């Protein structure tokens, strides 16, 4: 398969045919990574908060149990 000179990407395999096309792909991948990193950070924060809440509930039950 032959690509015309104006193509930024291979028409058969979508491989970048110019440095600009490569940079576009790289920028898009970096954005995806940043989105995943933010989501991971949010998920970890929520998990830590949930674990802390559960831990405090357990401690409260232990304190109540030792008072009896």
PDB file of N, CA and C in Angstrom:
ATOM      1  N   UNK A   1       0.850  -1.161   0.000  1.00  0.00           N
ATOM      2  CA  UNK A   1       0.000   0.000   0.000  1.00  0.00           C
ATOM      3  C   UNK A   1       0.900   1.229   0.000  1.00  0.00           C
ATOM      4  N   UNK A   2       0.574   2.216  -0.808  1.00  0.00           N
ATOM      5  CA  UNK A   2       1.364   3.430  -0.924  1.00  0.00           C
ATOM      6  C   UNK A   2       0.639   4.585  -0.248  1.00  0.00           C
ATOM      7  N   UNK A   3       1.386   5.377   0.485  1.00  0.00           N
ATOM      8  CA  UNK A   3       0.831   6.558   1.137  1.00  0.00           C
ATOM      9  C   UNK A   3       1.169   7.789   0.310  1.00  0.00           C
ATOM     10  N   UNK A   4       0.228   8.712   0.265  1.00  0.00           N
ATOM     11  CA  UNK A   4       0.520   9.980  -0.405  1.00  0.00           C
ATOM     12  C   UNK A   4       1.390  10.815   0.516  1.00  0.00           C
ATOM     13  N   UNK A   5       2.153  11.721  -0.054  1.00  0.00           N
ATOM     14  CA  UNK A   5       3.130  12.501   0.701  1.00  0.00           C
ATOM     15  C   UNK A   5       2.482  13.350   1.796  1.00  0.00           C
ATOM     16  N   UNK A   6       1.219  13.742   1.604  1.00  0.00           N
ATOM     17  CA  UNK A   6       0.528  14.585   2.583  1.00  0.00           C
ATOM     18  C   UNK A   6       0.075  13.813   3.827  1.00  0.00           C
ATOM     19  N   UNK A   7       0.047  12.490   3.738  1.00  0.00           N
ATOM     20  CA  UNK A   7      -0.408  11.695   4.889  1.00  0.00           C
ATOM     21  C   UNK A   7       0.513  11.895   6.079  1.00  0.00           C
ATOM     22  N   UNK A   8      -0.112  12.101   7.242  1.00  0.00           N
ATOM     23  CA  UNK A   8       0.670  12.172   8.476  1.00  0.00           C
ATOM     24  C   UNK A   8       0.858  10.775   9.050  1.00  0.00           C
ATOM     25  N   UNK A   9      -0.073   9.878   8.709  1.00  0.00           N
ATOM     26  CA  UNK A   9      -0.057   8.511   9.238  1.00  0.00           C
ATOM     27  C   UNK A   9      -0.162   7.513   8.098  1.00  0.00           C
ATOM     28  N   UNK A  10       0.433   6.359   8.293  1.00  0.00           N
ATOM     29  CA  UNK A  10       0.342   5.279   7.322  1.00  0.00           C
ATOM     30  C   UNK A  10      -1.120   4.867   7.195  1.00  0.00           C
ATOM     31  N   UNK A  11      -1.613   4.789   5.985  1.00  0.00           N
ATOM     32  CA  UNK A  11      -3.019   4.442   5.792  1.00  0.00           C
ATOM     33  C   UNK A  11      -3.289   2.970   6.088  1.00  0.00           C
ATOM     34  N   UNK A  12      -2.271   2.157   6.157  1.00  0.00           N
ATOM     35  CA  UNK A  12      -2.462   0.751   6.456  1.00  0.00           C
ATOM     36  C   UNK A  12      -2.306   0.407   7.924  1.00  0.00           C
ATOM     37  N   UNK A  13      -1.348   1.055   8.593  1.00  0.00           N
ATOM     38  CA  UNK A  13      -1.015   0.676   9.971  1.00  0.00           C
ATOM     39  C   UNK A  13      -1.114   1.833  10.971  1.00  0.00           C
ATOM     40  N   UNK A  14      -1.488   3.003  10.520  1.00  0.00           N
ATOM     41  CA  UNK A  14      -1.605   4.207  11.358  1.00  0.00           C
ATOM     42  C   UNK A  14      -0.292   4.603  12.011  1.00  0.00           C
ATOM     43  N   UNK A  15       0.806   4.147  11.486  1.00  0.00           N
ATOM     44  CA  UNK A  15       2.124   4.516  11.993  1.00  0.00           C
ATOM     45  C   UNK A  15       2.419   5.963  11.591  1.00  0.00           C
ATOM     46  N   UNK A  16       2.993   6.767  12.496  1.00  0.00           N
ATOM     47  CA  UNK A  16       3.273   8.158  12.134  1.00  0.00           C
ATOM     48  C   UNK A  16       4.337   8.232  11.038  1.00  0.00           C
ATOM     49  N   UNK A  17       4.085   9.088  10.077  1.00  0.00           N
ATOM     50  CA  UNK A  17       5.014   9.229   8.955  1.00  0.00           C
ATOM     51  C   UNK A  17       5.840  10.510   9.033  1.00  0.00           C
ATOM     52  N   UNK A  18       5.599  11.307  10.063  1.00  0.00           N
ATOM     53  CA  UNK A  18       6.372  12.541  10.216  1.00  0.00           C
ATOM     54  C   UNK A  18       6.627  12.784  11.699  1.00  0.00           C
ATOM     55  N   UNK A  19       7.639  13.590  11.994  1.00  0.00           N
ATOM     56  CA  UNK A  19       7.896  13.913  13.407  1.00  0.00           C
ATOM     57  C   UNK A  19       6.691  14.584  14.079  1.00  0.00           C
ATOM     58  N   UNK A  20       5.973  15.426  13.341  1.00  0.00           N
ATOM     59  CA  UNK A  20       4.801  16.091  13.900  1.00  0.00           C
ATOM     60  C   UNK A  20       3.729  15.067  14.284  1.00  0.00           C
ATOM     61  N   UNK A  21       3.500  14.095  13.428  1.00  0.00           N
ATOM     62  CA  UNK A  21       2.517  13.046  13.726  1.00  0.00           C
ATOM     63  C   UNK A  21       2.948  12.250  14.958  1.00  0.00           C
ATOM     64  N   UNK A  22       4.235  11.956  15.057  1.00  0.00           N
ATOM     65  CA  UNK A  22       4.746  11.237  16.226  1.00  0.00           C
ATOM     66  C   UNK A  22       4.512  12.050  17.493  1.00  0.00           C
ATOM     67  N   UNK A  23       4.776  13.358  17.439  1.00  0.00           N
ATOM     68  CA  UNK A  23       4.573  14.229  18.599  1.00  0.00           C
ATOM     69  C   UNK A  23       3.096  14.295  18.989  1.00  0.00           C
ATOM     70  N   UNK A  24       2.195  14.273  18.011  1.00  0.00           N
ATOM     71  CA  UNK A  24       0.759  14.264  18.300  1.00  0.00           C
ATOM     72  C   UNK A  24       0.374  12.998  19.074  1.00  0.00           C
ATOM     73  N   UNK A  25       0.880  11.879  18.609  1.00  0.00           N
ATOM     74  CA  UNK A  25       0.593  10.601  19.273  1.00  0.00           C
ATOM     75  C   UNK A  25       1.157  10.619  20.693  1.00  0.00           C
ATOM     76  N   UNK A  26       2.383  11.094  20.816  1.00  0.00           N
ATOM     77  CA  UNK A  26       3.037  11.146  22.122  1.00  0.00           C
ATOM     78  C   UNK A  26       2.255  12.055  23.080  1.00  0.00           C
ATOM     79  N   UNK A  27       1.793  13.204  22.608  1.00  0.00           N
ATOM     80  CA  UNK A  27       1.027  14.128  23.446  1.00  0.00           C
ATOM     81  C   UNK A  27      -0.298  13.490  23.880  1.00  0.00           C
ATOM     82  N   UNK A  28      -0.960  12.796  22.967  1.00  0.00           N
ATOM     83  CA  UNK A  28      -2.222  12.136  23.305  1.00  0.00           C
ATOM     84  C   UNK A  28      -1.998  11.041  24.346  1.00  0.00           C
ATOM     85  N   UNK A  29      -0.931  10.285  24.210  1.00  0.00           N
ATOM     86  CA  UNK A  29      -0.614   9.235  25.183  1.00  0.00           C
ATOM     87  C   UNK A  29      -0.277   9.836  26.546  1.00  0.00           C
ATOM     88  N   UNK A  30       0.452  10.941  26.547  1.00  0.00           N
ATOM     89  CA  UNK A  30       0.775  11.608  27.811  1.00  0.00           C
ATOM     90  C   UNK A  30      -0.480  12.101  28.513  1.00  0.00           C
ATOM     91  N   UNK A  31      -1.444  12.599  27.749  1.00  0.00           N
ATOM     92  CA  UNK A  31      -2.713  13.044  28.343  1.00  0.00           C
ATOM     93  C   UNK A  31      -3.445  11.857  28.971  1.00  0.00           C
ATOM     94  N   UNK A  32      -3.459  10.730  28.289  1.00  0.00           N
ATOM     95  CA  UNK A  32      -4.106   9.531  28.835  1.00  0.00           C
ATOM     96  C   UNK A  32      -3.441   9.113  30.142  1.00  0.00           C
ATOM     97  N   UNK A  33      -2.119   9.164  30.167  1.00  0.00           N
ATOM     98  CA  UNK A  33      -1.376   8.789  31.376  1.00  0.00           C
ATOM     99  C   UNK A  33      -1.712   9.747  32.519  1.00  0.00           C
ATOM    100  N   UNK A  34      -1.777  11.037  32.239  1.00  0.00           N
ATOM    101  CA  UNK A  34      -2.099  12.019  33.271  1.00  0.00           C
ATOM    102  C   UNK A  34      -3.501  11.789  33.836  1.00  0.00           C
ATOM    103  N   UNK A  35      -4.453  11.478  32.970  1.00  0.00           N
ATOM    104  CA  UNK A  35      -5.815  11.202  33.420  1.00  0.00           C
ATOM    105  C   UNK A  35      -5.823   9.971  34.324  1.00  0.00           C
ATOM    106  N   UNK A  36      -5.115   8.926  33.922  1.00  0.00           N
ATOM    107  CA  UNK A  36      -5.047   7.712  34.734  1.00  0.00           C
ATOM    108  C   UNK A  36      -4.356   7.978  36.074  1.00  0.00           C
ATOM    109  N   UNK A  37      -3.299   8.783  36.062  1.00  0.00           N
ATOM    110  CA  UNK A  37      -2.598   9.104  37.309  1.00  0.00           C
ATOM    111  C   UNK A  37      -3.514   9.873  38.261  1.00  0.00           C
ATOM    112  N   UNK A  38      -4.273  10.848  37.742  1.00  0.00           N
ATOM    113  CA  UNK A  38      -5.201  11.606  38.593  1.00  0.00           C
ATOM    114  C   UNK A  38      -6.281  10.693  39.164  1.00  0.00           C
ATOM    115  N   UNK A  39      -6.809   9.814  38.328  1.00  0.00           N
ATOM    116  CA  UNK A  39      -7.841   8.884  38.790  1.00  0.00           C
ATOM    117  C   UNK A  39      -7.275   7.975  39.880  1.00  0.00           C
ATOM    118  N   UNK A  40      -6.067   7.484  39.679  1.00  0.00           N
ATOM    119  CA  UNK A  40      -5.419   6.623  40.661  1.00  0.00           C
ATOM    120  C   UNK A  40      -5.244   7.370  41.985  1.00  0.00           C
ATOM    121  N   UNK A  41      -4.790   8.608  41.919  1.00  0.00           N
ATOM    122  CA  UNK A  41      -4.607   9.405  43.137  1.00  0.00           C
ATOM    123  C   UNK A  41      -5.935   9.599  43.865  1.00  0.00           C
ATOM    124  N   UNK A  42      -6.991   9.895  43.116  1.00  0.00           N
ATOM    125  CA  UNK A  42      -8.310  10.081  43.727  1.00  0.00           C
ATOM    126  C   UNK A  42      -8.803   8.782  44.354  1.00  0.00           C
ATOM    127  N   UNK A  43      -8.622   7.683  43.647  1.00  0.00           N
ATOM    128  CA  UNK A  43      -9.050   6.381  44.168  1.00  0.00           C
ATOM    129  C   UNK A  43      -8.283   6.019  45.437  1.00  0.00           C
ATOM    130  N   UNK A  44      -6.981   6.269  45.439  1.00  0.00           N
ATOM    131  CA  UNK A  44      -6.171   5.957  46.617  1.00  0.00           C
ATOM    132  C   UNK A  44      -6.574   6.834  47.799  1.00  0.00           C
ATOM    133  N   UNK A  45      -6.845   8.102  47.552  1.00  0.00           N
ATOM    134  CA  UNK A  45      -7.273   9.005  48.623  1.00  0.00           C
ATOM    135  C   UNK A  45      -8.596   8.519  49.213  1.00  0.00           C
ATOM    136  N   UNK A  46      -9.545   8.156  48.348  1.00  0.00           N
ATOM    137  CA  UNK A  46     -10.845   7.674  48.817  1.00  0.00           C
ATOM    138  C   UNK A  46     -10.680   6.379  49.616  1.00  0.00           C
ATOM    139  N   UNK A  47      -9.803   5.500  49.159  1.00  0.00           N
ATOM    140  CA  UNK A  47      -9.573   4.235  49.857  1.00  0.00           C
ATOM    141  C   UNK A  47      -8.949   4.477  51.230  1.00  0.00           C
ATOM    142  N   UNK A  48      -7.971   5.393  51.293  1.00  0.00           N
ATOM    143  CA  UNK A  48      -7.350   5.716  52.586  1.00  0.00           C
ATOM    144  C   UNK A  48      -8.379   6.294  53.557  1.00  0.00           C
ATOM    145  N   UNK A  49      -9.237   7.176  53.057  1.00  0.00           N
ATOM    146  CA  UNK A  49     -10.268   7.769  53.908  1.00  0.00           C
ATOM    147  C   UNK A  49     -11.234   6.699  54.420  1.00  0.00           C
ATOM    148  N   UNK A  50     -11.630   5.804  53.542  1.00  0.00           N
ATOM    149  CA  UNK A  50     -12.537   4.725  53.939  1.00  0.00           C
ATOM    150  C   UNK A  50     -11.874   3.819  54.983  1.00  0.00           C
ATOM    151  N   UNK A  51     -10.609   3.487  54.757  1.00  0.00           N
ATOM    152  CA  UNK A  51      -9.895   2.645  55.711  1.00  0.00           C
ATOM    153  C   UNK A  51      -9.765   3.336  57.065  1.00  0.00           C
ATOM    154  N   UNK A  52      -9.476   4.633  57.056  1.00  0.00           N
ATOM    155  CA  UNK A  52      -9.359   5.382  58.304  1.00  0.00           C
ATOM    156  C   UNK A  52     -10.698   5.395  59.044  1.00  0.00           C
ATOM    157  N   UNK A  53     -11.792   5.598  58.315  1.00  0.00           N
ATOM    158  CA  UNK A  53     -13.118   5.580  58.934  1.00  0.00           C
ATOM    159  C   UNK A  53     -13.413   4.217  59.562  1.00  0.00           C
ATOM    160  N   UNK A  54     -13.106   3.166  58.846  1.00  0.00           N
ATOM    161  CA  UNK A  54     -13.343   1.809  59.371  1.00  0.00           C
ATOM    162  C   UNK A  54     -12.474   1.561  60.603  1.00  0.00           C
ATOM    163  N   UNK A  55     -11.234   2.007  60.546  1.00  0.00           N
ATOM    164  CA  UNK A  55     -10.323   1.830  61.665  1.00  0.00           C
ATOM    165  C   UNK A  55     -10.849   2.565  62.898  1.00  0.00           C
ATOM    166  N   UNK A  56     -11.344   3.781  62.690  1.00  0.00           N
ATOM    167  CA  UNK A  56     -11.898   4.544  63.815  1.00  0.00           C
ATOM    168  C   UNK A  56     -13.135   3.849  64.387  1.00  0.00           C
ATOM    169  N   UNK A  57     -13.954   3.242  63.531  1.00  0.00           N
ATOM    170  CA  UNK A  57     -15.124   2.495  64.004  1.00  0.00           C
ATOM    171  C   UNK A  57     -14.687   1.298  64.851  1.00  0.00           C
ATOM    172  N   UNK A  58     -13.662   0.618  64.396  1.00  0.00           N
ATOM    173  CA  UNK A  58     -13.152  -0.539  65.147  1.00  0.00           C
ATOM    174  C   UNK A  58     -12.616  -0.085  66.502  1.00  0.00           C
ATOM    175  N   UNK A  59     -11.837   0.989  66.509  1.00  0.00           N
ATOM    176  CA  UNK A  59     -11.297   1.514  67.769  1.00  0.00           C
ATOM    177  C   UNK A  59     -12.414   1.919  68.718  1.00  0.00           C
ATOM    178  N   UNK A  60     -13.465   2.523  68.199  1.00  0.00           N
ATOM    179  CA  UNK A  60     -14.588   2.929  69.036  1.00  0.00           C
ATOM    180  C   UNK A  60     -15.257   1.703  69.661  1.00  0.00           C
ATOM    181  N   UNK A  61     -15.401   0.622  68.884  1.00  0.00           N
ATOM    182  CA  UNK A  61     -15.995  -0.602  69.405  1.00  0.00           C
ATOM    183  C   UNK A  61     -15.096  -1.241  70.463  1.00  0.00           C
ATOM    184  N   UNK A  62     -13.801  -1.168  70.271  1.00  0.00           N
ATOM    185  CA  UNK A  62     -12.862  -1.724  71.254  1.00  0.00           C
ATOM    186  C   UNK A  62     -12.964  -0.917  72.544  1.00  0.00           C
ATOM    187  N   UNK A  63     -12.989   0.412  72.420  1.00  0.00           N
ATOM    188  CA  UNK A  63     -13.108   1.273  73.609  1.00  0.00           C
ATOM    189  C   UNK A  63     -14.391   0.995  74.363  1.00  0.00           C
ATOM    190  N   UNK A  64     -15.491   0.831  73.673  1.00  0.00           N
ATOM    191  CA  UNK A  64     -16.777   0.525  74.315  1.00  0.00           C
ATOM    192  C   UNK A  64     -16.701  -0.832  74.992  1.00  0.00           C
ATOM    193  N   UNK A  65     -16.066  -1.804  74.350  1.00  0.00           N
ATOM    194  CA  UNK A  65     -15.945  -3.138  74.907  1.00  0.00           C
ATOM    195  C   UNK A  65     -15.099  -3.175  76.159  1.00  0.00           C
ATOM    196  N   UNK A  66     -14.072  -2.339  76.227  1.00  0.00           N
ATOM    197  CA  UNK A  66     -13.205  -2.338  77.418  1.00  0.00           C
ATOM    198  C   UNK A  66     -13.830  -1.607  78.592  1.00  0.00           C
ATOM    199  N   UNK A  67     -14.854  -0.779  78.310  1.00  0.00           N
ATOM    200  CA  UNK A  67     -15.524  -0.052  79.381  1.00  0.00           C
ATOM    201  C   UNK A  67     -16.534  -0.921  80.132  1.00  0.00           C
ATOM    202  N   UNK A  68     -16.916  -2.011  79.554  1.00  0.00           N
ATOM    203  CA  UNK A  68     -17.934  -2.870  80.177  1.00  0.00           C
ATOM    204  C   UNK A  68     -17.343  -3.765  81.219  1.00  0.00           C
TER     205      UNK A  68
END
